[in-house]
């Protein structure tokens, strides 16, 4: 478990989302983090497949 300091605007958006969905802020934050992790993992897997095919160079997935 860890603590995360969020900018007030993100905190507000999470609170509004939680209120509209009837979920907790923690649930909404957890789901957002999981969605992000899934997306980044998929990108890495795709880039690895491209590299294995020999059709890709080194990659940088930083935003």
Protein backbone atom coordinates (compact mmCIF):
# COMPACT_ATOMS: atom_id res chain seq x y z
CA UNK A 1 0.00 0.00 0.00
CA UNK A 2 1.19 3.52 -0.67
CA UNK A 3 0.04 7.09 -0.46
CA UNK A 4 -0.23 9.25 -3.51
CA UNK A 5 -0.40 13.04 -3.47
CA UNK A 6 -2.59 14.21 -6.33
CA UNK A 7 -3.15 17.68 -7.69
CA UNK A 8 -6.44 19.13 -6.45
CA UNK A 9 -8.00 18.96 -9.93
CA UNK A 10 -7.39 15.22 -10.28
CA UNK A 11 -8.63 14.65 -6.75
CA UNK A 12 -11.79 16.62 -7.57
CA UNK A 13 -12.35 14.65 -10.77
CA UNK A 14 -11.99 11.36 -8.91
CA UNK A 15 -14.45 12.51 -6.26
CA UNK A 16 -17.01 13.57 -8.89
CA UNK A 17 -16.57 10.27 -10.73
CA UNK A 18 -17.00 8.32 -7.50
CA UNK A 19 -20.15 10.24 -6.64
CA UNK A 20 -21.65 9.72 -10.11
CA UNK A 21 -20.86 6.01 -10.20
CA UNK A 22 -21.69 5.21 -6.58
CA UNK A 23 -18.17 3.82 -6.09
CA UNK A 24 -15.44 4.89 -3.71
CA UNK A 25 -12.62 7.22 -4.70
CA UNK A 26 -10.23 4.35 -3.93
CA UNK A 27 -12.08 2.05 -6.34
CA UNK A 28 -12.00 4.64 -9.13
CA UNK A 29 -8.28 5.34 -8.58
CA UNK A 30 -7.47 1.62 -8.50
CA UNK A 31 -9.37 1.02 -11.75
CA UNK A 32 -7.65 3.97 -13.45
CA UNK A 33 -4.23 2.66 -12.40
CA UNK A 34 -5.04 -0.86 -13.59
CA UNK A 35 -6.26 0.47 -16.95
CA UNK A 36 -3.03 2.44 -17.35
CA UNK A 37 -0.86 -0.56 -16.44
CA UNK A 38 -2.76 -2.76 -18.91
CA UNK A 39 -2.30 -0.18 -21.67
CA UNK A 40 1.43 0.26 -21.08
CA UNK A 41 2.01 -3.50 -20.81
CA UNK A 42 0.21 -3.99 -24.12
CA UNK A 43 2.43 -1.34 -25.75
CA UNK A 44 5.58 -3.05 -24.48
CA UNK A 45 4.37 -6.45 -25.66
CA UNK A 46 3.57 -5.04 -29.10
CA UNK A 47 6.97 -3.36 -29.34
CA UNK A 48 8.68 -6.58 -28.23
CA UNK A 49 6.87 -8.51 -30.98
CA UNK A 50 7.97 -5.93 -33.54
CA UNK A 51 11.57 -6.16 -32.30
CA UNK A 52 11.49 -9.97 -32.42
CA UNK A 53 10.34 -9.79 -36.04
CA UNK A 54 13.39 -7.69 -36.81
CA UNK A 55 11.23 -4.87 -38.12
CA UNK A 56 11.63 -2.54 -35.16
CA UNK A 57 14.42 -0.52 -33.62
CA UNK A 58 14.90 0.44 -30.00
CA UNK A 59 11.82 2.13 -28.67
CA UNK A 60 10.96 4.78 -26.14
CA UNK A 61 7.48 4.55 -24.61
CA UNK A 62 7.75 7.65 -22.45
CA UNK A 63 4.96 10.17 -22.93
